[in-house]
Amino acid sequence: MIAFICILLTVLVYYLSKQLYKKVRFAFLSPLLIAPCILSSMLVGFHIDYSDYDSGGRWLSNLLQPAVVGFAIPLYKFRKVMKKYAKIIAISMTAGVTIAIVSSGLFSHVVRLNDHYLLSLLPRSITTPIAMAVSVDIGGMPTMTAIFVIVTGISGLILGPMVIRYLHIQEKLAKGLLLGMGAHGAGTSKALEFGSEEGAAASLAMVLAAIFTLVFAPILTPLILL
């Protein structure tokens, strides 16, 4: 019974958050941001153990993997556009992934994080399952990496549209690549709000970011640790 209630509660909170966001369109009221906050507050307020909540919540989590496949639909629809700008996309993603890894390393040195936290932070700009795998491969802590990925996604979700407006970015491909590279799944979801072509570019960026990080992270890590 508790599992069903938790599923219903999660869907209801997300739905209401989504309706509020449609009316207000304020970045800090994104359902991806406020729904977890509301649910966490309710769990604490009603003294519900997370393991009890997860008995129902994990069913929704299991739907995430097939849901991600849905990102391939706009990607297939605009495959000719993606192919046309393949060189630009490759250069952009190489630069984006390199900057993400190096900036994470520089930040870690500035705030004096120890090596375990530094290595956990490096793969923060890719989707959670792959980021955790990369973290293990380079000697980080996968649970901390998951937290860094979530923070990165939420930050990109909020700041990405602001950057687009501030820089007056009009090109659909550029918007999608920015959001997909900067905020992975959350950014791709946001890109789809701009349009299908932006969503396709973000989907591609999310996939390429994961692949490039798998390649570059082990190469750059020894240099960052110097």
C-alpha atoms as a PDB file:
ATOM      1  CA  MET A   1       0.000   0.000   0.000  1.00  0.00           C
ATOM      2  CA  ILE A   2       2.808   2.395   0.933  1.00  0.00           C
ATOM      3  CA  ALA A   3       4.439   1.779  -2.470  1.00  0.00           C
ATOM      4  CA  PHE A   4       1.266   2.796  -4.321  1.00  0.00           C
ATOM      5  CA  ILE A   5       0.857   5.906  -2.156  1.00  0.00           C
ATOM      6  CA  CYS A   6       4.456   6.951  -2.838  1.00  0.00           C
ATOM      7  CA  ILE A   7       4.031   6.519  -6.593  1.00  0.00           C
ATOM      8  CA  LEU A   8       0.791   8.511  -6.533  1.00  0.00           C
ATOM      9  CA  LEU A   9       2.359  11.209  -4.351  1.00  0.00           C
ATOM     10  CA  THR A  10       5.387  11.571  -6.627  1.00  0.00           C
ATOM     11  CA  VAL A  11       3.309  11.824  -9.796  1.00  0.00           C
ATOM     12  CA  LEU A  12       0.895  14.289  -8.172  1.00  0.00           C
ATOM     13  CA  VAL A  13       3.656  16.568  -6.867  1.00  0.00           C
ATOM     14  CA  TYR A  14       5.432  16.552 -10.232  1.00  0.00           C
ATOM     15  CA  TYR A  15       2.186  17.219 -12.112  1.00  0.00           C
ATOM     16  CA  LEU A  16       1.274  20.168  -9.888  1.00  0.00           C
ATOM     17  CA  SER A  17       4.827  21.511 -10.145  1.00  0.00           C
ATOM     18  CA  LYS A  18       4.637  21.233 -13.926  1.00  0.00           C
ATOM     19  CA  GLN A  19       1.336  23.119 -14.045  1.00  0.00           C
ATOM     20  CA  LEU A  20       2.771  25.875 -11.847  1.00  0.00           C
ATOM     21  CA  TYR A  21       5.846  26.146 -14.054  1.00  0.00           C
ATOM     22  CA  LYS A  22       3.709  26.438 -17.196  1.00  0.00           C
ATOM     23  CA  LYS A  23       1.968  29.469 -15.720  1.00  0.00           C
ATOM     24  CA  VAL A  24       4.933  31.191 -14.082  1.00  0.00           C
ATOM     25  CA  ARG A  25       7.912  30.126 -16.280  1.00  0.00           C
ATOM     26  CA  PHE A  26      10.383  31.047 -13.549  1.00  0.00           C
ATOM     27  CA  ALA A  27      13.616  29.023 -13.685  1.00  0.00           C
ATOM     28  CA  PHE A  28      13.767  28.397  -9.941  1.00  0.00           C
ATOM     29  CA  LEU A  29      10.263  26.904 -10.065  1.00  0.00           C
ATOM     30  CA  SER A  30      11.226  24.182 -12.537  1.00  0.00           C
ATOM     31  CA  PRO A  31       9.534  20.898 -11.556  1.00  0.00           C
ATOM     32  CA  LEU A  32      12.930  19.190 -11.705  1.00  0.00           C
ATOM     33  CA  LEU A  33      14.002  21.523  -8.902  1.00  0.00           C
ATOM     34  CA  ILE A  34      10.984  22.051  -6.674  1.00  0.00           C
ATOM     35  CA  ALA A  35       9.377  18.582  -6.902  1.00  0.00           C
ATOM     36  CA  PRO A  36      12.329  16.871  -5.131  1.00  0.00           C
ATOM     37  CA  CYS A  37      12.363  19.649  -2.522  1.00  0.00           C
ATOM     38  CA  ILE A  38       8.641  19.233  -1.829  1.00  0.00           C
ATOM     39  CA  LEU A  39       8.879  15.443  -1.682  1.00  0.00           C
ATOM     40  CA  SER A  40      11.922  15.568   0.611  1.00  0.00           C
ATOM     41  CA  SER A  41      10.118  17.980   2.932  1.00  0.00           C
ATOM     42  CA  MET A  42       7.078  15.707   3.033  1.00  0.00           C
ATOM     43  CA  LEU A  43       9.192  12.663   3.857  1.00  0.00           C
ATOM     44  CA  VAL A  44      10.834  14.534   6.722  1.00  0.00           C
ATOM     45  CA  GLY A  45       7.594  16.148   7.907  1.00  0.00           C
ATOM     46  CA  PHE A  46       5.621  12.894   7.968  1.00  0.00           C
ATOM     47  CA  HIS A  47       8.589  10.819   9.224  1.00  0.00           C
ATOM     48  CA  ILE A  48       8.529   8.506   6.209  1.00  0.00           C
ATOM     49  CA  ASP A  49      11.678   6.432   5.871  1.00  0.00           C
ATOM     50  CA  TYR A  50      13.370   6.748   2.474  1.00  0.00           C
ATOM     51  CA  SER A  51      13.439   2.958   2.060  1.00  0.00           C
ATOM     52  CA  ASP A  52       9.633   2.947   2.384  1.00  0.00           C
ATOM     53  CA  TYR A  53       9.330   5.731  -0.171  1.00  0.00           C
ATOM     54  CA  ASP A  54      11.755   3.961  -2.509  1.00  0.00           C
ATOM     55  CA  SER A  55       9.608   0.824  -2.460  1.00  0.00           C
ATOM     56  CA  GLY A  56       7.308   2.728  -4.792  1.00  0.00           C
ATOM     57  CA  GLY A  57       9.684   5.347  -6.128  1.00  0.00           C
ATOM     58  CA  ARG A  58      12.003   2.772  -7.669  1.00  0.00           C
ATOM     59  CA  TRP A  59       9.227   1.734 -10.058  1.00  0.00           C
ATOM     60  CA  LEU A  60       9.267   5.253 -11.447  1.00  0.00           C
ATOM     61  CA  SER A  61      13.081   5.198 -11.501  1.00  0.00           C
ATOM     62  CA  ASN A  62      12.981   2.017 -13.567  1.00  0.00           C
ATOM     63  CA  LEU A  63      10.904   3.862 -16.168  1.00  0.00           C
ATOM     64  CA  LEU A  64      13.677   6.429 -16.580  1.00  0.00           C
ATOM     65  CA  GLN A  65      15.804   4.237 -18.845  1.00  0.00           C
ATOM     66  CA  PRO A  66      13.109   3.603 -21.486  1.00  0.00           C
ATOM     67  CA  ALA A  67      12.035   7.245 -21.153  1.00  0.00           C
ATOM     68  CA  VAL A  68      15.549   8.390 -22.088  1.00  0.00           C
ATOM     69  CA  VAL A  69      15.187   6.446 -25.348  1.00  0.00           C
ATOM     70  CA  GLY A  70      12.465   8.947 -26.230  1.00  0.00           C
ATOM     71  CA  PHE A  71      15.192  11.574 -26.668  1.00  0.00           C
ATOM     72  CA  ALA A  72      16.207   9.685 -29.825  1.00  0.00           C
ATOM     73  CA  ILE A  73      12.962  10.640 -31.582  1.00  0.00           C
ATOM     74  CA  PRO A  74      13.847  14.310 -32.275  1.00  0.00           C
ATOM     75  CA  LEU A  75      17.433  13.206 -32.944  1.00  0.00           C
ATOM     76  CA  TYR A  76      16.233  10.895 -35.718  1.00  0.00           C
ATOM     77  CA  LYS A  77      13.848  13.542 -37.041  1.00  0.00           C
ATOM     78  CA  PHE A  78      16.662  16.080 -37.477  1.00  0.00           C
ATOM     79  CA  ARG A  79      19.424  13.617 -38.370  1.00  0.00           C
ATOM     80  CA  LYS A  80      20.171  15.416 -41.655  1.00  0.00           C
ATOM     81  CA  VAL A  81      20.769  18.697 -39.830  1.00  0.00           C
ATOM     82  CA  MET A  82      23.017  16.943 -37.318  1.00  0.00           C
ATOM     83  CA  LYS A  83      24.963  15.295 -40.154  1.00  0.00           C
ATOM     84  CA  LYS A  84      25.324  18.612 -41.990  1.00  0.00           C
ATOM     85  CA  TYR A  85      26.952  20.239 -38.972  1.00  0.00           C
ATOM     86  CA  ALA A  86      28.881  17.158 -37.811  1.00  0.00           C
ATOM     87  CA  LYS A  87      32.268  18.918 -37.846  1.00  0.00           C
ATOM     88  CA  ILE A  88      31.017  21.878 -35.830  1.00  0.00           C
ATOM     89  CA  ILE A  89      29.319  19.548 -33.360  1.00  0.00           C
ATOM     90  CA  ALA A  90      32.472  17.439 -32.931  1.00  0.00           C
ATOM     91  CA  ILE A  91      34.663  20.498 -32.306  1.00  0.00           C
ATOM     92  CA  SER A  92      32.123  22.014 -29.913  1.00  0.00           C
ATOM     93  CA  MET A  93      31.747  18.817 -27.913  1.00  0.00           C
ATOM     94  CA  THR A  94      35.504  18.227 -27.718  1.00  0.00           C
ATOM     95  CA  ALA A  95      35.971  21.754 -26.392  1.00  0.00           C
ATOM     96  CA  GLY A  96      33.003  21.455 -24.037  1.00  0.00           C
ATOM     97  CA  VAL A  97      34.100  18.170 -22.471  1.00  0.00           C
ATOM     98  CA  THR A  98      37.711  19.326 -22.111  1.00  0.00           C
ATOM     99  CA  ILE A  99      36.641  22.582 -20.460  1.00  0.00           C
ATOM    100  CA  ALA A 100      34.241  20.727 -18.144  1.00  0.00           C
ATOM    101  CA  ILE A 101      36.956  18.342 -16.943  1.00  0.00           C
ATOM    102  CA  VAL A 102      39.720  20.950 -16.633  1.00  0.00           C
ATOM    103  CA  SER A 103      37.475  23.521 -14.907  1.00  0.00           C
ATOM    104  CA  SER A 104      36.411  20.864 -12.404  1.00  0.00           C
ATOM    105  CA  GLY A 105      40.061  20.165 -11.678  1.00  0.00           C
ATOM    106  CA  LEU A 106      40.910  23.866 -11.293  1.00  0.00           C
ATOM    107  CA  PHE A 107      37.933  24.407  -8.987  1.00  0.00           C
ATOM    108  CA  SER A 108      39.023  21.456  -6.860  1.00  0.00           C
ATOM    109  CA  HIS A 109      42.533  22.888  -6.518  1.00  0.00           C
ATOM    110  CA  VAL A 110      41.232  26.371  -5.651  1.00  0.00           C
ATOM    111  CA  VAL A 111      38.957  25.118  -2.853  1.00  0.00           C
ATOM    112  CA  ARG A 112      41.563  22.495  -1.854  1.00  0.00           C
ATOM    113  CA  LEU A 113      39.447  19.380  -2.297  1.00  0.00           C
ATOM    114  CA  ASN A 114      41.288  16.146  -1.633  1.00  0.00           C
ATOM    115  CA  ASP A 115      42.007  13.800  -4.531  1.00  0.00           C
ATOM    116  CA  HIS A 116      38.990  11.560  -3.887  1.00  0.00           C
ATOM    117  CA  TYR A 117      36.574  14.479  -4.173  1.00  0.00           C
ATOM    118  CA  LEU A 118      38.492  15.913  -7.127  1.00  0.00           C
ATOM    119  CA  LEU A 119      38.233  12.642  -9.040  1.00  0.00           C
ATOM    120  CA  SER A 120      34.554  12.367  -8.132  1.00  0.00           C
ATOM    121  CA  LEU A 121      33.910  15.852  -9.515  1.00  0.00           C
ATOM    122  CA  LEU A 122      35.616  15.413 -12.899  1.00  0.00           C
ATOM    123  CA  PRO A 123      32.793  13.480 -14.684  1.00  0.00           C
ATOM    124  CA  ARG A 124      30.019  15.773 -13.364  1.00  0.00           C
ATOM    125  CA  SER A 125      28.897  16.941 -16.816  1.00  0.00           C
ATOM    126  CA  ILE A 126      27.532  13.637 -18.114  1.00  0.00           C
ATOM    127  CA  THR A 127      24.471  11.575 -17.290  1.00  0.00           C
ATOM    128  CA  THR A 128      24.525   9.841 -13.889  1.00  0.00           C
ATOM    129  CA  PRO A 129      25.007   6.119 -14.746  1.00  0.00           C
ATOM    130  CA  ILE A 130      27.970   6.790 -17.048  1.00  0.00           C
ATOM    131  CA  ALA A 131      29.406   9.436 -14.717  1.00  0.00           C
ATOM    132  CA  MET A 132      29.432   6.923 -11.864  1.00  0.00           C
ATOM    133  CA  ALA A 133      31.183   4.356 -14.068  1.00  0.00           C
ATOM    134  CA  VAL A 134      33.836   6.897 -15.091  1.00  0.00           C
ATOM    135  CA  SER A 135      34.256   7.879 -11.442  1.00  0.00           C
ATOM    136  CA  VAL A 136      35.030   4.282 -10.485  1.00  0.00           C
ATOM    137  CA  ASP A 137      37.449   3.963 -13.408  1.00  0.00           C
ATOM    138  CA  ILE A 138      39.522   7.022 -12.419  1.00  0.00           C
ATOM    139  CA  GLY A 139      39.406   6.371  -8.663  1.00  0.00           C
ATOM    140  CA  GLY A 140      36.571   8.618  -7.516  1.00  0.00           C
ATOM    141  CA  MET A 141      33.572   7.974  -5.283  1.00  0.00           C
ATOM    142  CA  PRO A 142      30.490   7.154  -7.394  1.00  0.00           C
ATOM    143  CA  THR A 143      27.982   8.303  -4.766  1.00  0.00           C
ATOM    144  CA  MET A 144      29.640  11.723  -4.567  1.00  0.00           C
ATOM    145  CA  THR A 145      29.797  11.849  -8.359  1.00  0.00           C
ATOM    146  CA  ALA A 146      26.031  11.274  -8.505  1.00  0.00           C
ATOM    147  CA  ILE A 147      25.514  14.268  -6.204  1.00  0.00           C
ATOM    148  CA  PHE A 148      27.817  16.451  -8.309  1.00  0.00           C
ATOM    149  CA  VAL A 149      25.958  15.389 -11.474  1.00  0.00           C
ATOM    150  CA  ILE A 150      22.594  16.337  -9.954  1.00  0.00           C
ATOM    151  CA  VAL A 151      23.907  19.734  -8.811  1.00  0.00           C
ATOM    152  CA  THR A 152      25.399  20.332 -12.274  1.00  0.00           C
ATOM    153  CA  GLY A 153      22.131  19.398 -13.973  1.00  0.00           C
ATOM    154  CA  ILE A 154      20.034  21.691 -11.793  1.00  0.00           C
ATOM    155  CA  SER A 155      22.543  24.547 -12.140  1.00  0.00           C
ATOM    156  CA  GLY A 156      22.609  24.158 -15.913  1.00  0.00           C
ATOM    157  CA  LEU A 157      18.830  23.974 -16.017  1.00  0.00           C
ATOM    158  CA  ILE A 158      18.624  27.357 -14.291  1.00  0.00           C
ATOM    159  CA  LEU A 159      21.652  29.130 -15.766  1.00  0.00           C
ATOM    160  CA  GLY A 160      21.501  27.739 -19.322  1.00  0.00           C
ATOM    161  CA  PRO A 161      18.442  29.729 -20.462  1.00  0.00           C
ATOM    162  CA  MET A 162      19.909  32.835 -18.788  1.00  0.00           C
ATOM    163  CA  VAL A 163      23.129  32.450 -20.778  1.00  0.00           C
ATOM    164  CA  ILE A 164      21.125  31.979 -23.983  1.00  0.00           C
ATOM    165  CA  ARG A 165      19.174  35.182 -23.347  1.00  0.00           C
ATOM    166  CA  TYR A 166      22.206  37.186 -22.209  1.00  0.00           C
ATOM    167  CA  LEU A 167      24.306  36.203 -25.238  1.00  0.00           C
ATOM    168  CA  HIS A 168      21.303  36.532 -27.581  1.00  0.00           C
ATOM    169  CA  ILE A 169      21.864  33.044 -28.980  1.00  0.00           C
ATOM    170  CA  GLN A 170      19.405  32.480 -31.825  1.00  0.00           C
ATOM    171  CA  GLU A 171      20.834  29.384 -33.530  1.00  0.00           C
ATOM    172  CA  LYS A 172      18.788  26.325 -32.568  1.00  0.00           C
ATOM    173  CA  LEU A 173      21.753  23.975 -32.808  1.00  0.00           C
ATOM    174  CA  ALA A 174      23.808  26.151 -30.465  1.00  0.00           C
ATOM    175  CA  LYS A 175      21.017  26.297 -27.886  1.00  0.00           C
ATOM    176  CA  GLY A 176      20.648  22.530 -27.883  1.00  0.00           C
ATOM    177  CA  LEU A 177      24.373  21.809 -27.662  1.00  0.00           C
ATOM    178  CA  LEU A 178      24.754  24.291 -24.814  1.00  0.00           C
ATOM    179  CA  LEU A 179      21.953  22.759 -22.754  1.00  0.00           C
ATOM    180  CA  GLY A 180      22.798  19.135 -23.527  1.00  0.00           C
ATOM    181  CA  MET A 181      26.489  19.602 -22.766  1.00  0.00           C
ATOM    182  CA  GLY A 182      25.965  21.815 -19.740  1.00  0.00           C
ATOM    183  CA  ALA A 183      23.091  20.024 -18.025  1.00  0.00           C
ATOM    184  CA  HIS A 184      22.811  16.534 -19.622  1.00  0.00           C
ATOM    185  CA  GLY A 185      19.318  15.017 -19.089  1.00  0.00           C
ATOM    186  CA  ALA A 186      17.849  18.046 -17.328  1.00  0.00           C
ATOM    187  CA  GLY A 187      19.232  20.299 -20.055  1.00  0.00           C
ATOM    188  CA  THR A 188      17.833  18.077 -22.792  1.00  0.00           C
ATOM    189  CA  SER A 189      14.412  18.270 -21.179  1.00  0.00           C
ATOM    190  CA  LYS A 190      14.741  22.059 -21.100  1.00  0.00           C
ATOM    191  CA  ALA A 191      15.930  22.154 -24.717  1.00  0.00           C
ATOM    192  CA  LEU A 192      12.750  20.375 -25.818  1.00  0.00           C
ATOM    193  CA  GLU A 193      10.811  23.321 -24.382  1.00  0.00           C
ATOM    194  CA  PHE A 194      12.587  25.544 -26.917  1.00  0.00           C
ATOM    195  CA  GLY A 195      11.759  23.215 -29.808  1.00  0.00           C
ATOM    196  CA  SER A 196      12.309  19.817 -31.414  1.00  0.00           C
ATOM    197  CA  GLU A 197      15.538  20.797 -33.181  1.00  0.00           C
ATOM    198  CA  GLU A 198      17.017  22.143 -29.945  1.00  0.00           C
ATOM    199  CA  GLY A 199      15.965  18.911 -28.245  1.00  0.00           C
ATOM    200  CA  ALA A 200      17.644  16.837 -30.954  1.00  0.00           C
ATOM    201  CA  ALA A 201      20.892  18.780 -30.595  1.00  0.00           C
ATOM    202  CA  ALA A 202      20.770  18.440 -26.806  1.00  0.00           C
ATOM    203  CA  SER A 203      20.152  14.692 -27.059  1.00  0.00           C
ATOM    204  CA  LEU A 204      23.173  14.322 -29.319  1.00  0.00           C
ATOM    205  CA  ALA A 205      25.266  16.513 -27.022  1.00  0.00           C
ATOM    206  CA  MET A 206      24.342  14.401 -24.009  1.00  0.00           C
ATOM    207  CA  VAL A 207      25.392  11.194 -25.776  1.00  0.00           C
ATOM    208  CA  LEU A 208      28.611  12.638 -27.214  1.00  0.00           C
ATOM    209  CA  ALA A 209      29.553  14.211 -23.878  1.00  0.00           C
ATOM    210  CA  ALA A 210      29.359  10.785 -22.264  1.00  0.00           C
ATOM    211  CA  ILE A 211      31.465   9.157 -25.005  1.00  0.00           C
ATOM    212  CA  PHE A 212      34.087  11.924 -25.064  1.00  0.00           C
ATOM    213  CA  THR A 213      34.346  11.947 -21.265  1.00  0.00           C
ATOM    214  CA  LEU A 214      34.962   8.196 -21.266  1.00  0.00           C
ATOM    215  CA  VAL A 215      37.884   8.867 -23.619  1.00  0.00           C
ATOM    216  CA  PHE A 216      39.319  12.113 -22.211  1.00  0.00           C
ATOM    217  CA  ALA A 217      38.849  11.678 -18.447  1.00  0.00           C
ATOM    218  CA  PRO A 218      41.479   8.919 -18.030  1.00  0.00           C
ATOM    219  CA  ILE A 219      43.915  10.934 -20.200  1.00  0.00           C
ATOM    220  CA  LEU A 220      43.459  14.286 -18.428  1.00  0.00           C
ATOM    221  CA  THR A 221      43.187  12.944 -14.877  1.00  0.00           C
ATOM    222  CA  PRO A 222      46.952  12.344 -14.328  1.00  0.00           C
ATOM    223  CA  LEU A 223      47.686  15.888 -15.580  1.00  0.00           C
ATOM    224  CA  ILE A 224      45.078  17.414 -13.257  1.00  0.00           C
ATOM    225  CA  LEU A 225      46.484  15.519 -10.265  1.00  0.00           C
ATOM    226  CA  LEU A 226      49.980  16.985 -10.783  1.00  0.00           C
END
